[in-house]
Amino acid sequence: MKKELQRILSGFIRLHILHHAAERAVYGQWMMEELREHGYRISPGTLYPMLRGLERDGLLQGIDDPATPRKRLYRITAAGKEALREARERLRELFHEVEGGGPES
């Protein structure tokens, strides 16, 4: 995949992570498998910094899983829920505009 497209899709991936973290705690390996089912081929070297960035931004809270060494679980925070809510609204608007049949470049 070209770098330009990867940069665009990285926002979709972050949104996908927040979506699933709102449903249940997620962890990196599961998230990579989930994203793969949707056609995203993402490496640990890309995903884990993304998860840490969402955590640093206050959108996710990471906790070490006491049952499994080296496994970190991520849950959505209140700020993450608000960001997800707003992103969904903007995504709906964008989808309608993009799918509205306007001219393509």
C-alpha atoms as a PDB file:
ATOM      1  CA  MET A   1       0.000   0.000   0.000  1.00  0.00           C
ATOM      2  CA  LYS A   2       1.286   3.449  -0.837  1.00  0.00           C
ATOM      3  CA  LYS A   3       2.383   5.720   2.006  1.00  0.00           C
ATOM      4  CA  GLU A   4      -0.135   8.386   0.984  1.00  0.00           C
ATOM      5  CA  LEU A   5      -3.040   5.969   1.323  1.00  0.00           C
ATOM      6  CA  GLN A   6      -1.648   4.594   4.578  1.00  0.00           C
ATOM      7  CA  ARG A   7      -1.710   8.101   6.073  1.00  0.00           C
ATOM      8  CA  ILE A   8      -5.362   8.529   5.103  1.00  0.00           C
ATOM      9  CA  LEU A   9      -6.392   5.098   6.383  1.00  0.00           C
ATOM     10  CA  SER A  10      -4.570   5.509   9.701  1.00  0.00           C
ATOM     11  CA  GLY A  11      -7.440   7.697  10.886  1.00  0.00           C
ATOM     12  CA  PHE A  12      -9.900   4.938   9.985  1.00  0.00           C
ATOM     13  CA  ILE A  13      -7.812   2.467  11.953  1.00  0.00           C
ATOM     14  CA  ARG A  14      -7.808   4.708  15.031  1.00  0.00           C
ATOM     15  CA  LEU A  15     -11.577   5.073  14.739  1.00  0.00           C
ATOM     16  CA  HIS A  16     -11.910   1.305  14.417  1.00  0.00           C
ATOM     17  CA  ILE A  17      -9.833   0.845  17.589  1.00  0.00           C
ATOM     18  CA  LEU A  18     -12.002   3.307  19.540  1.00  0.00           C
ATOM     19  CA  HIS A  19     -15.145   1.605  18.255  1.00  0.00           C
ATOM     20  CA  HIS A  20     -14.071  -1.805  19.567  1.00  0.00           C
ATOM     21  CA  ALA A  21     -12.629  -0.416  22.798  1.00  0.00           C
ATOM     22  CA  ALA A  22     -16.076   1.064  23.459  1.00  0.00           C
ATOM     23  CA  GLU A  23     -17.540  -2.447  23.251  1.00  0.00           C
ATOM     24  CA  ARG A  24     -14.930  -4.303  25.329  1.00  0.00           C
ATOM     25  CA  ALA A  25     -11.292  -4.181  26.381  1.00  0.00           C
ATOM     26  CA  VAL A  26      -9.025  -4.824  23.390  1.00  0.00           C
ATOM     27  CA  TYR A  27      -5.399  -5.850  23.041  1.00  0.00           C
ATOM     28  CA  GLY A  28      -2.922  -5.515  20.214  1.00  0.00           C
ATOM     29  CA  GLN A  29      -2.919  -9.018  18.728  1.00  0.00           C
ATOM     30  CA  TRP A  30      -6.723  -9.187  18.701  1.00  0.00           C
ATOM     31  CA  MET A  31      -6.887  -5.747  17.112  1.00  0.00           C
ATOM     32  CA  MET A  32      -4.443  -6.763  14.356  1.00  0.00           C
ATOM     33  CA  GLU A  33      -6.593  -9.821  13.584  1.00  0.00           C
ATOM     34  CA  GLU A  34      -9.789  -7.745  13.604  1.00  0.00           C
ATOM     35  CA  LEU A  35      -8.284  -5.162  11.272  1.00  0.00           C
ATOM     36  CA  ARG A  36      -6.991  -7.921   8.972  1.00  0.00           C
ATOM     37  CA  GLU A  37     -10.592  -9.146   8.583  1.00  0.00           C
ATOM     38  CA  HIS A  38     -11.395  -5.709   7.161  1.00  0.00           C
ATOM     39  CA  GLY A  39      -8.483  -5.686   4.736  1.00  0.00           C
ATOM     40  CA  TYR A  40      -5.968  -3.731   6.808  1.00  0.00           C
ATOM     41  CA  ARG A  41      -2.513  -5.275   6.973  1.00  0.00           C
ATOM     42  CA  ILE A  42      -0.970  -3.564   9.957  1.00  0.00           C
ATOM     43  CA  SER A  43       2.258  -4.557  11.663  1.00  0.00           C
ATOM     44  CA  PRO A  44       2.919  -4.503  15.417  1.00  0.00           C
ATOM     45  CA  GLY A  45       5.404  -1.705  14.725  1.00  0.00           C
ATOM     46  CA  THR A  46       2.534   0.423  13.457  1.00  0.00           C
ATOM     47  CA  LEU A  47      -0.296  -0.688  15.742  1.00  0.00           C
ATOM     48  CA  TYR A  48       1.388  -0.500  19.141  1.00  0.00           C
ATOM     49  CA  PRO A  49       2.604   3.089  18.713  1.00  0.00           C
ATOM     50  CA  MET A  50      -0.934   3.938  17.578  1.00  0.00           C
ATOM     51  CA  LEU A  51      -2.398   2.376  20.752  1.00  0.00           C
ATOM     52  CA  ARG A  52       0.148   4.210  22.920  1.00  0.00           C
ATOM     53  CA  GLY A  53      -0.668   7.459  21.125  1.00  0.00           C
ATOM     54  CA  LEU A  54      -4.398   7.026  21.788  1.00  0.00           C
ATOM     55  CA  GLU A  55      -3.527   6.317  25.407  1.00  0.00           C
ATOM     56  CA  ARG A  56      -1.236   9.359  25.611  1.00  0.00           C
ATOM     57  CA  ASP A  57      -4.042  11.488  24.132  1.00  0.00           C
ATOM     58  CA  GLY A  58      -6.373  10.282  26.903  1.00  0.00           C
ATOM     59  CA  LEU A  59      -8.712   8.397  24.558  1.00  0.00           C
ATOM     60  CA  LEU A  60      -7.744   4.929  25.799  1.00  0.00           C
ATOM     61  CA  GLN A  61      -6.616   3.658  29.169  1.00  0.00           C
ATOM     62  CA  GLY A  62      -4.134   0.805  29.069  1.00  0.00           C
ATOM     63  CA  ILE A  63      -3.732  -1.693  31.887  1.00  0.00           C
ATOM     64  CA  ASP A  64      -1.439  -4.695  32.107  1.00  0.00           C
ATOM     65  CA  ASP A  65      -3.386  -7.941  32.053  1.00  0.00           C
ATOM     66  CA  PRO A  66      -2.562  -9.714  35.340  1.00  0.00           C
ATOM     67  CA  ALA A  67      -3.433 -13.092  33.808  1.00  0.00           C
ATOM     68  CA  THR A  68      -1.125 -12.801  30.806  1.00  0.00           C
ATOM     69  CA  PRO A  69       2.409 -11.431  30.931  1.00  0.00           C
ATOM     70  CA  ARG A  70       3.232  -8.803  28.298  1.00  0.00           C
ATOM     71  CA  LYS A  71      -0.427  -8.312  27.374  1.00  0.00           C
ATOM     72  CA  ARG A  72      -1.872  -4.840  27.745  1.00  0.00           C
ATOM     73  CA  LEU A  73      -5.625  -4.295  27.661  1.00  0.00           C
ATOM     74  CA  TYR A  74      -7.059  -1.030  26.381  1.00  0.00           C
ATOM     75  CA  ARG A  75     -10.402   0.439  27.388  1.00  0.00           C
ATOM     76  CA  ILE A  76     -12.012   3.574  26.073  1.00  0.00           C
ATOM     77  CA  THR A  77     -12.087   6.612  28.379  1.00  0.00           C
ATOM     78  CA  ALA A  78     -14.825   9.228  28.726  1.00  0.00           C
ATOM     79  CA  ALA A  79     -12.811  11.490  26.415  1.00  0.00           C
ATOM     80  CA  GLY A  80     -12.494   8.580  23.982  1.00  0.00           C
ATOM     81  CA  LYS A  81     -16.264   8.048  24.001  1.00  0.00           C
ATOM     82  CA  GLU A  82     -16.827  11.719  23.251  1.00  0.00           C
ATOM     83  CA  ALA A  83     -14.231  11.655  20.448  1.00  0.00           C
ATOM     84  CA  LEU A  84     -15.857   8.519  19.009  1.00  0.00           C
ATOM     85  CA  ARG A  85     -19.315  10.125  19.144  1.00  0.00           C
ATOM     86  CA  GLU A  86     -18.110  13.215  17.310  1.00  0.00           C
ATOM     87  CA  ALA A  87     -16.083  11.191  14.800  1.00  0.00           C
ATOM     88  CA  ARG A  88     -19.163   9.099  13.988  1.00  0.00           C
ATOM     89  CA  GLU A  89     -21.175  12.255  13.272  1.00  0.00           C
ATOM     90  CA  ARG A  90     -18.456  13.609  11.003  1.00  0.00           C
ATOM     91  CA  LEU A  91     -18.017  10.240   9.309  1.00  0.00           C
ATOM     92  CA  ARG A  92     -21.746  10.087   8.506  1.00  0.00           C
ATOM     93  CA  GLU A  93     -21.604  13.567   7.002  1.00  0.00           C
ATOM     94  CA  LEU A  94     -18.475  12.754   5.001  1.00  0.00           C
ATOM     95  CA  PHE A  95     -19.910   9.451   3.800  1.00  0.00           C
ATOM     96  CA  HIS A  96     -23.024  11.176   2.452  1.00  0.00           C
ATOM     97  CA  GLU A  97     -20.912  13.808   0.726  1.00  0.00           C
ATOM     98  CA  VAL A  98     -18.452  11.319  -0.789  1.00  0.00           C
ATOM     99  CA  GLU A  99     -21.190   8.882  -1.842  1.00  0.00           C
ATOM    100  CA  GLY A 100     -23.399  11.717  -3.117  1.00  0.00           C
ATOM    101  CA  GLY A 101     -22.079  11.342  -6.634  1.00  0.00           C
ATOM    102  CA  GLY A 102     -20.006  14.511  -6.789  1.00  0.00           C
ATOM    103  CA  PRO A 103     -17.272  14.845  -9.390  1.00  0.00           C
ATOM    104  CA  GLU A 104     -14.162  12.752  -8.833  1.00  0.00           C
ATOM    105  CA  SER A 105     -10.703  14.094  -9.574  1.00  0.00           C
END
